[in-house]
Structures are given as structure tokens and as C-alpha cells.
Amino acid sequence: MSTDIGLFIESLFILPFILIVFYFITQNNVNDFSLSNPILMLILMMAGPMTVIPLFLYVRGVELCGLGPTGMIFYITPSLQFILGYFLFNEPFNINQLVSFILLWIAVFIYLKDLYENN
């Protein structure tokens, strides 16, 4: 299935819920989307594209490179955040976290070894 069609179908599934929420927002008079506050109106209008564009690019990227490399990003990103937290922000780090971190990366290396041997 094409990326844009999948995103369109996801949007159709959520549309009834959004319409119900929008109805209650307008009925309770808490709608901030008005011409009296153009900056807030612009921010609210940009919320849609700022949500859809990264989602579209992510799905397109998964189509192009596959789930294997994409899955590796889910391990690399938290590891880099851990390194920043420990070395730059001096966050505490105990032995349980160290053991978990080592076990996680052992599993990643086993997966990468298997992936490399099967290609």
C-alpha cells in the first residue's frame, strides 16, 4: 500500500472522533481558533502539517530501508540520549541500569550478526 493512501486511511479512521471533540469544544465555548488571535490561529493551523509530515516521512523511510535498519534506530537513539544524560548532564547511573544496557546491546549485536550472515 502506498504511503499517502495509508496515511489517508488513518486520517479517515480518526475523523469521526475529531468531529465529536470539535463539536464539544465549540459547544463549551473553549474554541481558541478565532481571528482575534491570529498568532494562535497560525500555530493551530500548523499543528496538522507538523504532525502529518514527520509521520509521512517516517513511513516512507521504512518503505525505503526496511524494518531492520529502522528498528536499529530505536536502539541507537535512546543509547545516545543515555550517553548525553550521563556524561553531559551528570545523571545518576546504577548497576541495574548498566546490566540492562549491556544486555540490550548484546541482543542488538546478536541480531546484527544474524542479519549480516543471512545476507
Protein backbone atom coordinates (compact mmCIF):
# COMPACT_ATOMS: atom_id res chain seq x y z
CA MET A 1 0.00 0.00 0.00
CA SER A 2 1.24 3.45 -0.82
CA THR A 3 2.34 5.75 1.99
CA ASP A 4 -0.09 8.51 1.17
CA ILE A 5 -3.05 6.11 0.89
CA GLY A 6 -2.19 4.56 4.26
CA LEU A 7 -1.97 7.97 5.87
CA PHE A 8 -5.29 8.93 4.29
CA ILE A 9 -6.96 5.79 5.68
CA GLU A 10 -5.55 6.52 9.16
CA SER A 11 -6.93 10.04 8.91
CA LEU A 12 -10.35 8.72 7.91
CA PHE A 13 -10.43 6.42 10.94
CA ILE A 14 -9.76 9.31 13.34
CA LEU A 15 -12.06 11.82 11.60
CA PRO A 16 -15.29 10.87 13.49
CA PHE A 17 -13.55 11.25 16.86
CA ILE A 18 -12.12 14.62 15.85
CA LEU A 19 -15.54 15.85 14.74
CA ILE A 20 -17.07 14.81 18.09
CA VAL A 21 -14.28 16.57 20.03
CA PHE A 22 -14.61 19.68 17.86
CA TYR A 23 -18.38 19.72 18.50
CA PHE A 24 -17.87 19.63 22.28
CA ILE A 25 -15.18 22.31 22.09
CA THR A 26 -17.47 24.69 20.24
CA GLN A 27 -20.48 23.87 22.48
CA ASN A 28 -18.49 24.61 25.65
CA ASN A 29 -17.17 27.84 24.13
CA VAL A 30 -13.48 26.93 24.59
CA ASN A 31 -12.57 27.29 20.92
CA ASP A 32 -9.37 29.36 20.63
CA PHE A 33 -9.40 29.30 16.84
CA SER A 34 -10.56 32.84 16.01
CA LEU A 35 -9.47 35.88 14.05
CA SER A 36 -8.99 37.84 17.28
CA ASN A 37 -5.76 35.93 17.97
CA PRO A 38 -4.01 35.37 14.62
CA ILE A 39 -0.75 34.03 16.11
CA LEU A 40 -2.55 31.27 17.99
CA MET A 41 -4.67 30.59 14.91
CA LEU A 42 -1.49 30.13 12.83
CA ILE A 43 0.01 27.81 15.43
CA LEU A 44 -3.15 25.71 15.49
CA MET A 45 -3.23 25.56 11.69
CA MET A 46 0.41 24.41 11.60
CA ALA A 47 -0.28 21.60 14.11
CA GLY A 48 -1.74 19.39 11.37
CA PRO A 49 1.17 19.58 8.91
CA MET A 50 3.72 19.38 11.74
CA THR A 51 2.11 16.09 12.77
CA VAL A 52 1.49 14.60 9.33
CA ILE A 53 4.81 15.46 7.64
CA PRO A 54 7.07 13.55 10.10
CA LEU A 55 4.65 10.61 10.11
CA PHE A 56 4.62 10.56 6.30
CA LEU A 57 8.43 10.76 6.14
CA TYR A 58 8.83 8.03 8.75
CA VAL A 59 6.52 5.63 6.89
CA ARG A 60 8.23 6.46 3.59
CA GLY A 61 11.64 5.85 5.17
CA VAL A 62 10.53 2.46 6.49
CA GLU A 63 9.34 1.57 2.98
CA LEU A 64 12.72 2.51 1.51
CA CYS A 65 15.13 0.96 4.02
CA GLY A 66 13.06 -1.79 5.66
CA LEU A 67 12.17 -2.64 9.22
CA GLY A 68 15.62 -3.95 10.22
CA PRO A 69 17.56 -0.68 9.93
CA THR A 70 14.55 1.24 11.23
CA GLY A 71 14.48 -0.96 14.31
CA MET A 72 18.14 -0.23 14.95
CA ILE A 73 17.31 3.47 15.20
CA PHE A 74 15.04 2.62 18.13
CA TYR A 75 18.10 1.29 19.98
CA ILE A 76 20.64 3.88 18.86
CA THR A 77 18.57 6.94 19.78
CA PRO A 78 17.95 6.01 23.46
CA SER A 79 21.59 4.96 23.78
CA LEU A 80 22.76 8.36 22.56
CA GLN A 81 20.31 10.00 24.96
CA PHE A 82 21.77 7.90 27.78
CA ILE A 83 25.31 8.97 26.86
CA LEU A 84 24.26 12.63 26.84
CA GLY A 85 22.46 12.26 30.17
CA TYR A 86 25.34 10.51 31.88
CA PHE A 87 28.30 12.44 30.55
CA LEU A 88 26.84 15.88 29.85
CA PHE A 89 24.10 16.24 32.48
CA ASN A 90 25.69 14.02 35.20
CA GLU A 91 22.59 11.91 35.76
CA PRO A 92 22.90 9.01 38.23
CA PHE A 93 23.60 5.56 36.83
CA ASN A 94 23.39 2.39 38.94
CA ILE A 95 24.44 -1.22 38.38
CA ASN A 96 20.93 -2.37 37.37
CA GLN A 97 20.86 0.17 34.56
CA LEU A 98 24.36 -0.86 33.46
CA VAL A 99 23.39 -4.55 33.30
CA SER A 100 20.23 -3.70 31.35
CA PHE A 101 22.20 -1.53 28.94
CA ILE A 102 24.80 -4.26 28.34
CA LEU A 103 22.15 -6.95 27.81
CA LEU A 104 20.29 -4.74 25.37
CA TRP A 105 23.39 -4.15 23.26
CA ILE A 106 24.35 -7.84 23.36
CA ALA A 107 20.92 -8.59 21.87
CA VAL A 108 21.44 -5.90 19.23
CA PHE A 109 24.81 -7.37 18.24
CA ILE A 110 23.33 -10.88 18.03
CA TYR A 111 20.60 -9.52 15.75
CA LEU A 112 23.11 -7.65 13.58
CA LYS A 113 25.36 -10.72 13.33
CA ASP A 114 22.41 -12.85 12.23
CA LEU A 115 21.29 -10.18 9.77
CA TYR A 116 24.81 -9.94 8.31
CA GLU A 117 25.22 -13.72 7.98
CA ASN A 118 21.87 -14.17 6.21
CA ASN A 119 22.59 -11.53 3.55
